[in-house]
């Protein structure tokens, strides 16, 4: 029951604090100044993101993608189907052992 009394006291204190809030006097140019700062900040962000799409960066990205594709294609040619299948079977434990044991 003690916690209920404490909770009621906290609720009463909160409501008393909310009722004591008074109106704030704001400068008539406050909204205009804030909107001006927001516009300036958004222009700065657009300038920074614009540098990510320069032709140099696009060309470098294209070269990297082409080189990676060529390397992957060459690696794919080097491995045969049988090697890939045996690697897959070994990875998942699907291979039966053909080695003779000492007991046989």
Protein backbone atom coordinates (compact mmCIF):
# COMPACT_ATOMS: atom_id res chain seq x y z
CA UNK A 1 0.00 0.00 0.00
CA UNK A 2 2.99 2.25 0.62
CA UNK A 3 3.96 2.19 -3.05
CA UNK A 4 0.46 3.29 -4.01
CA UNK A 5 0.77 6.36 -1.73
CA UNK A 6 4.19 7.15 -3.22
CA UNK A 7 2.83 6.79 -6.74
CA UNK A 8 -0.10 9.12 -5.97
CA UNK A 9 2.35 11.68 -4.57
CA UNK A 10 4.50 11.48 -7.70
CA UNK A 11 1.44 11.91 -9.94
CA UNK A 12 0.26 14.92 -7.89
CA UNK A 13 3.74 16.50 -8.05
CA UNK A 14 3.85 16.00 -11.82
CA UNK A 15 0.44 17.61 -12.33
CA UNK A 16 1.40 20.53 -10.07
CA UNK A 17 4.59 21.05 -12.06
CA UNK A 18 2.65 20.97 -15.34
CA UNK A 19 0.14 23.54 -14.10
CA UNK A 20 2.93 25.94 -13.12
CA UNK A 21 4.22 26.22 -16.72
CA UNK A 22 3.82 29.76 -18.02
CA UNK A 23 3.66 31.18 -21.53
CA UNK A 24 7.02 32.02 -23.10
CA UNK A 25 7.56 35.26 -24.94
CA UNK A 26 9.25 34.57 -28.28
CA UNK A 27 10.90 37.02 -30.63
CA UNK A 28 8.77 37.65 -33.74
CA UNK A 29 11.77 36.77 -35.94
CA UNK A 30 12.58 33.49 -34.17
CA UNK A 31 10.78 31.28 -36.71
CA UNK A 32 12.37 33.09 -39.64
CA UNK A 33 15.87 32.69 -38.16
CA UNK A 34 15.35 28.98 -37.46
CA UNK A 35 14.00 28.34 -40.97
CA UNK A 36 16.98 30.21 -42.45
CA UNK A 37 19.43 28.01 -40.48
CA UNK A 38 17.61 24.85 -41.58
CA UNK A 39 17.81 25.89 -45.23
CA UNK A 40 21.53 26.63 -44.92
CA UNK A 41 22.19 23.27 -43.25
CA UNK A 42 20.31 21.37 -45.95
CA UNK A 43 22.29 23.15 -48.69
CA UNK A 44 25.55 22.09 -46.99
CA UNK A 45 24.39 18.46 -46.91
CA UNK A 46 23.47 18.57 -50.60
CA UNK A 47 26.92 19.95 -51.46
CA UNK A 48 28.64 17.09 -49.62
CA UNK A 49 26.49 14.36 -51.19
CA UNK A 50 27.07 15.86 -54.63
CA UNK A 51 30.77 15.04 -54.45
CA UNK A 52 29.97 11.30 -54.25
CA UNK A 53 28.65 11.28 -57.80
CA UNK A 54 31.56 12.85 -59.63
CA UNK A 55 32.67 11.25 -62.93
CA UNK A 56 36.04 10.24 -61.41
CA UNK A 57 34.36 8.25 -58.66
CA UNK A 58 31.93 6.66 -61.12
CA UNK A 59 34.80 5.60 -63.37
CA UNK A 60 36.79 4.17 -60.45
CA UNK A 61 33.75 2.20 -59.28
CA UNK A 62 33.16 0.86 -62.78
CA UNK A 63 36.80 -0.24 -63.08
CA UNK A 64 36.64 -2.02 -59.69
CA UNK A 65 33.44 -3.86 -60.65
CA UNK A 66 34.87 -4.95 -64.00
CA UNK A 67 38.13 -6.18 -62.41
CA UNK A 68 36.24 -8.13 -59.74
CA UNK A 69 34.00 -9.72 -62.37
CA UNK A 70 37.00 -10.76 -64.47
CA UNK A 71 38.71 -12.30 -61.43
CA UNK A 72 35.56 -14.17 -60.44
CA UNK A 73 35.03 -15.44 -63.98
CA UNK A 74 38.64 -16.69 -64.22
CA UNK A 75 38.33 -18.40 -60.86
CA UNK A 76 35.12 -20.05 -62.01
CA UNK A 77 36.85 -21.39 -65.13
CA UNK A 78 39.71 -22.91 -63.13
CA UNK A 79 37.52 -25.06 -60.91
CA UNK A 80 35.90 -28.04 -62.55
CA UNK A 81 32.49 -29.48 -61.85
CA UNK A 82 33.92 -32.55 -60.16
CA UNK A 83 36.09 -30.47 -57.82
CA UNK A 84 33.16 -28.29 -56.88
CA UNK A 85 30.94 -31.28 -56.29
CA UNK A 86 33.54 -33.04 -54.14
CA UNK A 87 34.16 -29.87 -52.12
CA UNK A 88 30.42 -29.50 -51.58
CA UNK A 89 30.07 -33.14 -50.52
CA UNK A 90 33.00 -32.87 -48.11
CA UNK A 91 31.65 -29.67 -46.60
CA UNK A 92 28.30 -31.24 -45.78
CA UNK A 93 29.62 -34.68 -44.81
CA UNK A 94 28.11 -36.48 -47.79
CA UNK A 95 31.31 -38.31 -48.76
CA UNK A 96 31.77 -41.96 -47.90
CA UNK A 97 35.30 -42.95 -47.04
CA UNK A 98 37.01 -45.26 -49.57
CA UNK A 99 40.14 -45.71 -47.47
CA UNK A 100 40.71 -49.13 -45.95
CA UNK A 101 40.88 -49.36 -42.21
CA UNK A 102 43.26 -51.38 -40.06
CA UNK A 103 40.47 -53.74 -38.98
CA UNK A 104 39.60 -54.91 -42.53
